[in-house]
Amino acid sequence: MVALNAGLCRYEIRSLRVLADPEPTPNASPYEGRSQQPLLNWQGKPRRALNRQAAGGLVPDPNGKPVQVCIGVDGKAFEAKLIEGFQPQPRGGQAS
């Protein structure tokens, strides 16, 4: 909804980074079960498994990239847009 209606949000610029810490278990597999992926990365070094509990999380970091973050949504406007989206649309080009 926000991708199509950016005005629904209240924004702030925040410096963030994405967590990509290695798995704390040294023998962790980078893949679930059997995989066709090579166990070496593009540099010829062993792949590291990501910490599944934290991987991909966003955390504040003063040295991170400044990004625009939606910190609040206009609930009434969101609801109105949602209801509008479910309204039947007339089909063009058909005779009545």
Protein backbone atom coordinates (compact mmCIF):
# COMPACT_ATOMS: atom_id res chain seq x y z
CA MET A 1 0.00 0.00 0.00
CA VAL A 2 2.78 2.43 0.93
CA ALA A 3 4.70 1.62 -2.26
CA LEU A 4 1.73 2.90 -4.26
CA ASN A 5 0.70 5.68 -1.86
CA ALA A 6 3.85 7.12 -0.25
CA GLY A 7 1.85 9.98 1.25
CA LEU A 8 0.27 7.58 3.77
CA CYS A 9 3.48 7.57 5.83
CA ARG A 10 5.30 9.94 8.11
CA TYR A 11 9.03 9.60 7.40
CA GLU A 12 12.35 10.10 9.19
CA ILE A 13 15.89 9.69 7.94
CA ARG A 14 17.76 7.12 10.03
CA SER A 15 21.23 5.60 9.72
CA LEU A 16 20.88 1.81 9.65
CA ARG A 17 22.82 -1.31 8.80
CA VAL A 18 21.69 -4.81 7.91
CA LEU A 19 22.76 -7.63 10.21
CA ALA A 20 24.74 -10.29 8.42
CA ASP A 21 26.59 -11.89 11.34
CA PRO A 22 27.93 -15.42 10.92
CA GLU A 23 26.25 -18.30 12.72
CA PRO A 24 27.73 -18.67 16.23
CA THR A 25 28.06 -22.44 15.70
CA PRO A 26 31.34 -23.04 13.81
CA ASN A 27 30.07 -26.17 11.99
CA ALA A 28 26.78 -24.62 10.82
CA SER A 29 25.78 -25.33 7.24
CA PRO A 30 25.08 -22.29 5.06
CA TYR A 31 22.11 -24.17 3.53
CA GLU A 32 19.17 -26.16 4.80
CA GLY A 33 19.66 -29.84 4.02
CA ARG A 34 21.40 -30.93 0.85
CA SER A 35 22.16 -28.23 -1.65
CA GLN A 36 23.61 -27.91 -5.12
CA GLN A 37 25.42 -24.71 -4.06
CA PRO A 38 29.22 -24.99 -3.84
CA LEU A 39 30.65 -24.84 -0.33
CA LEU A 40 33.21 -22.25 -1.47
CA ASN A 41 32.34 -18.64 -2.26
CA TRP A 42 33.46 -16.66 -5.31
CA GLN A 43 36.82 -16.00 -3.63
CA GLY A 44 37.44 -19.72 -3.06
CA LYS A 45 36.87 -19.38 0.69
CA PRO A 46 34.39 -21.51 2.66
CA ARG A 47 30.87 -20.05 2.76
CA ARG A 48 29.70 -18.89 6.17
CA ALA A 49 26.24 -19.62 7.48
CA LEU A 50 24.30 -16.54 8.61
CA ASN A 51 22.86 -16.29 12.08
CA ARG A 52 19.26 -17.27 11.29
CA GLN A 53 17.81 -15.40 14.27
CA ALA A 54 19.38 -12.09 13.29
CA ALA A 55 20.18 -12.19 9.57
CA GLY A 56 18.52 -9.40 7.64
CA GLY A 57 17.56 -7.39 10.72
CA LEU A 58 17.97 -3.61 10.62
CA VAL A 59 19.74 -1.90 13.50
CA PRO A 60 20.64 1.74 14.18
CA ASP A 61 24.26 2.50 13.34
CA PRO A 62 25.76 6.01 13.21
CA ASN A 63 28.07 4.75 10.43
CA GLY A 64 25.23 3.04 8.57
CA LYS A 65 23.56 4.21 5.40
CA PRO A 66 21.00 7.03 5.88
CA VAL A 67 17.63 5.79 4.64
CA GLN A 68 14.09 7.11 4.66
CA VAL A 69 12.00 5.10 7.16
CA CYS A 70 8.21 5.07 7.50
CA ILE A 71 7.63 5.61 11.22
CA GLY A 72 3.87 6.12 11.16
CA VAL A 73 0.87 5.61 8.90
CA ASP A 74 -2.31 7.66 8.52
CA GLY A 75 -4.71 4.88 9.54
CA LYS A 76 -7.88 6.50 8.20
CA ALA A 77 -6.30 7.26 4.82
CA PHE A 78 -4.89 3.72 4.67
CA GLU A 79 -8.33 2.25 5.36
CA ALA A 80 -9.96 4.48 2.73
CA LYS A 81 -7.38 3.42 0.10
CA LEU A 82 -7.85 -0.23 1.04
CA ILE A 83 -11.64 -0.03 0.70
CA GLU A 84 -11.25 1.87 -2.58
CA GLY A 85 -9.03 -0.94 -3.87
CA PHE A 86 -11.76 -3.52 -3.24
CA GLN A 87 -14.45 -1.59 -5.09
CA PRO A 88 -15.56 -3.24 -8.35
CA GLN A 89 -14.13 -1.52 -11.38
CA PRO A 90 -16.18 -1.11 -14.56
CA ARG A 91 -14.92 -3.27 -17.40
CA GLY A 92 -14.02 -1.22 -20.44
CA GLY A 93 -15.14 -2.06 -23.95
CA GLN A 94 -18.09 -4.30 -23.05
CA ALA A 95 -21.62 -3.51 -24.18
CA SER A 96 -24.24 -3.38 -21.46
